[in-house]
Amino acid sequence: MIIMGIDPGLAATGYGVVEKAGGRLRSIAFGGINTSSREPLSSRLDKIYCEVKGLIERYGPDLVVLEELFFNTNARSAMVVGQARGGIILAAAHAGVMVEEYTPLQVKQTLVGHGRADKRQVEYMVRTLLHIEGDIGSSHASDALALAICHAHSERMRGRLEDAMQDKTAQKKPAHKKRNVQ
């Protein structure tokens, strides 16, 4: 399974592509899409859309994973990030790729074990889990890889839960008895 994580932003959008084969994860690519504040909003959104569409075409992910929109104190920046997310979701939809979302808390809990982890801790775990030797280059790319890892681990857990539920259901089914009808 190929998972593409995307950390949306108007100035800087990070991406990370991870391959999940069995229980192993491998980084395929990561980087960023940067736009200039000197450009009109429509041009910046178009650039994000076109580059994400190109990345989807290049790497052929089975799924795109986005960070769920988080409203903090600055509603304006949340709105701008929401617009960038819209372009990303549209690029995935046009490519026929499903989109999943995770909150920053879910990602941090999955990778580090607690939701208050800082960016350095998350990047350390990303580099460790994906066996990346050097610097990732940006926190946005690191966050995008973290999103992909989070989904890979969540998918694994979902599979285990489904298997356990099927086993439990199979144990509860009564055996059919033949009745003697005279």
Protein backbone atom coordinates (compact mmCIF):
# COMPACT_ATOMS: atom_id res chain seq x y z
CA MET A 1 0.00 0.00 0.00
CA ILE A 2 1.27 3.47 -0.90
CA ILE A 3 0.19 6.23 1.49
CA MET A 4 0.70 9.92 0.76
CA GLY A 5 0.61 12.19 3.79
CA ILE A 6 0.08 15.91 3.23
CA ASP A 7 0.53 18.68 5.80
CA PRO A 8 -1.51 21.50 4.26
CA GLY A 9 -0.51 25.13 4.35
CA LEU A 10 -0.69 28.09 2.02
CA ALA A 11 2.94 29.20 2.32
CA ALA A 12 4.34 25.69 2.80
CA THR A 13 2.63 22.36 2.16
CA GLY A 14 4.59 19.29 3.15
CA TYR A 15 4.22 15.89 1.52
CA GLY A 16 5.53 12.44 2.33
CA VAL A 17 5.03 9.16 0.49
CA VAL A 18 5.35 5.91 2.43
CA GLU A 19 5.08 2.32 1.28
CA LYS A 20 3.57 -0.20 3.67
CA ALA A 21 4.46 -3.81 2.87
CA GLY A 22 3.34 -6.22 5.56
CA GLY A 23 4.50 -4.72 8.82
CA ARG A 24 7.34 -2.73 7.24
CA LEU A 25 7.30 0.95 6.29
CA ARG A 26 9.59 2.61 3.76
CA SER A 27 9.90 6.23 2.75
CA ILE A 28 9.57 6.73 -0.98
CA ALA A 29 9.68 10.53 -1.19
CA PHE A 30 9.15 13.68 0.84
CA GLY A 31 9.42 17.41 0.36
CA GLY A 32 7.44 20.59 0.15
CA ILE A 33 5.41 22.88 -2.03
CA ASN A 34 6.12 26.54 -1.34
CA THR A 35 4.15 29.54 -2.52
CA SER A 36 5.04 33.22 -2.35
CA SER A 37 2.94 35.70 -0.40
CA ARG A 38 3.56 38.10 -3.30
CA GLU A 39 1.39 35.96 -5.55
CA PRO A 40 -2.41 36.25 -5.63
CA LEU A 41 -4.32 33.70 -3.54
CA SER A 42 -5.77 32.05 -6.66
CA SER A 43 -2.27 31.48 -8.10
CA ARG A 44 -1.01 30.02 -4.83
CA LEU A 45 -3.98 27.63 -4.57
CA ASP A 46 -3.55 26.65 -8.22
CA LYS A 47 0.11 25.83 -7.61
CA ILE A 48 -0.74 23.63 -4.61
CA TYR A 49 -3.48 21.85 -6.57
CA CYS A 50 -1.31 21.27 -9.65
CA GLU A 51 1.73 20.07 -7.70
CA VAL A 52 -0.30 17.72 -5.49
CA LYS A 53 -2.03 16.35 -8.60
CA GLY A 54 1.40 15.78 -10.17
CA LEU A 55 2.66 14.02 -7.02
CA ILE A 56 -0.39 11.76 -7.02
CA GLU A 57 0.21 10.91 -10.68
CA ARG A 58 3.92 10.26 -10.05
CA TYR A 59 3.63 8.07 -6.94
CA GLY A 60 0.18 6.52 -7.40
CA PRO A 61 -0.87 6.46 -3.75
CA ASP A 62 -3.73 4.22 -2.65
CA LEU A 63 -4.72 6.89 -0.16
CA VAL A 64 -4.03 10.53 0.73
CA VAL A 65 -3.90 11.41 4.43
CA LEU A 66 -4.42 15.00 5.58
CA GLU A 67 -4.11 16.73 8.88
CA GLU A 68 -7.59 17.58 10.11
CA LEU A 69 -8.21 21.32 10.27
CA PHE A 70 -7.46 22.67 13.72
CA PHE A 71 -8.90 26.01 14.82
CA ASN A 72 -6.63 27.66 17.32
CA THR A 73 -6.73 31.36 18.12
CA ASN A 74 -6.21 32.65 14.57
CA ALA A 75 -9.36 32.06 12.52
CA ARG A 76 -7.89 33.80 9.47
CA SER A 77 -4.96 31.39 9.18
CA ALA A 78 -7.35 28.46 9.71
CA MET A 79 -9.47 29.71 6.80
CA VAL A 80 -6.42 30.00 4.53
CA VAL A 81 -5.27 26.49 5.49
CA GLY A 82 -8.83 25.33 4.80
CA GLN A 83 -8.59 26.73 1.28
CA ALA A 84 -5.29 24.90 0.70
CA ARG A 85 -6.88 21.69 2.04
CA GLY A 86 -9.74 22.15 -0.43
CA GLY A 87 -7.29 22.23 -3.34
CA ILE A 88 -5.55 19.11 -2.04
CA ILE A 89 -8.82 17.22 -1.55
CA LEU A 90 -9.92 18.26 -5.04
CA ALA A 91 -6.65 17.00 -6.56
CA ALA A 92 -7.14 13.65 -4.81
CA ALA A 93 -10.78 13.45 -5.93
CA HIS A 94 -9.84 14.21 -9.54
CA ALA A 95 -7.28 11.40 -9.37
CA GLY A 96 -9.82 9.00 -7.84
CA VAL A 97 -7.89 8.66 -4.57
CA MET A 98 -9.64 8.48 -1.19
CA VAL A 99 -8.74 10.95 1.58
CA GLU A 100 -8.47 10.17 5.31
CA GLU A 101 -7.90 12.71 8.07
CA TYR A 102 -6.21 12.60 11.46
CA THR A 103 -5.90 15.22 14.17
CA PRO A 104 -2.46 16.37 15.33
CA LEU A 105 -3.25 14.69 18.67
CA GLN A 106 -3.90 11.33 16.99
CA VAL A 107 -0.65 11.57 15.02
CA LYS A 108 1.43 12.46 18.08
CA GLN A 109 -0.15 9.70 20.18
CA THR A 110 0.48 7.14 17.45
CA LEU A 111 4.11 8.09 16.86
CA VAL A 112 5.34 9.28 20.24
CA GLY A 113 2.82 7.85 22.69
CA HIS A 114 1.39 11.12 23.98
CA GLY A 115 -0.44 14.06 22.44
CA ARG A 116 1.82 16.80 23.78
CA ALA A 117 4.92 15.76 21.84
CA ASP A 118 6.86 18.56 20.21
CA LYS A 119 7.98 18.69 16.56
CA ARG A 120 11.49 17.42 17.39
CA GLN A 121 10.07 14.28 19.03
CA VAL A 122 7.76 13.64 16.08
CA GLU A 123 10.59 14.11 13.57
CA TYR A 124 12.85 11.81 15.59
CA MET A 125 10.22 9.05 15.50
CA VAL A 126 9.58 9.60 11.78
CA ARG A 127 13.30 9.26 11.03
CA THR A 128 13.58 6.20 13.29
CA LEU A 129 10.51 4.37 11.94
CA LEU A 130 11.39 5.07 8.30
CA HIS A 131 15.17 4.61 8.73
CA ILE A 132 15.94 8.07 7.36
CA GLU A 133 19.58 8.89 8.02
CA GLY A 134 19.79 12.61 7.28
CA ASP A 135 17.71 15.66 7.97
CA ILE A 136 14.18 15.65 6.56
CA GLY A 137 14.51 19.31 5.69
CA SER A 138 11.27 20.79 6.97
CA SER A 139 8.78 20.24 9.75
CA HIS A 140 6.04 20.21 7.10
CA ALA A 141 7.56 17.22 5.29
CA SER A 142 8.15 15.51 8.64
CA ASP A 143 4.52 16.08 9.64
CA ALA A 144 3.36 14.70 6.28
CA LEU A 145 5.42 11.53 6.78
CA ALA A 146 4.02 11.31 10.33
CA LEU A 147 0.48 11.41 8.92
CA ALA A 148 1.28 8.54 6.55
CA ILE A 149 2.82 6.51 9.39
CA CYS A 150 -0.19 7.23 11.61
CA HIS A 151 -2.52 5.85 8.95
CA ALA A 152 -0.35 2.79 8.38
CA HIS A 153 -0.47 1.98 12.10
CA SER A 154 -4.20 2.74 12.35
CA GLU A 155 -4.89 0.51 9.34
CA ARG A 156 -2.96 -2.29 11.02
CA MET A 157 -4.97 -1.83 14.21
CA ARG A 158 -8.26 -1.78 12.28
CA GLY A 159 -7.29 -5.07 10.64
CA ARG A 160 -6.58 -6.63 14.02
CA LEU A 161 -9.89 -5.40 15.42
CA GLU A 162 -11.80 -6.73 12.41
CA ASP A 163 -10.09 -10.11 12.77
CA ALA A 164 -10.91 -10.21 16.48
CA MET A 165 -14.55 -9.32 15.83
CA GLN A 166 -14.83 -12.03 13.17
CA ASP A 167 -13.32 -14.58 15.56
CA LYS A 168 -15.72 -13.53 18.31
CA THR A 169 -18.71 -13.72 15.95
CA ALA A 170 -17.64 -17.17 14.72
CA GLN A 171 -17.40 -18.43 18.32
CA LYS A 172 -20.92 -17.23 19.15
CA LYS A 173 -22.66 -18.89 16.21
CA PRO A 174 -24.46 -22.02 17.38
CA ALA A 175 -23.82 -25.19 15.50
CA HIS A 176 -26.78 -26.24 13.37
CA LYS A 177 -28.37 -29.40 14.63
CA LYS A 178 -30.28 -31.76 12.48
CA ARG A 179 -33.63 -32.54 13.89
CA ASN A 180 -35.21 -35.86 13.50
CA VAL A 181 -38.54 -35.29 11.90
CA GLN A 182 -40.88 -38.23 12.06
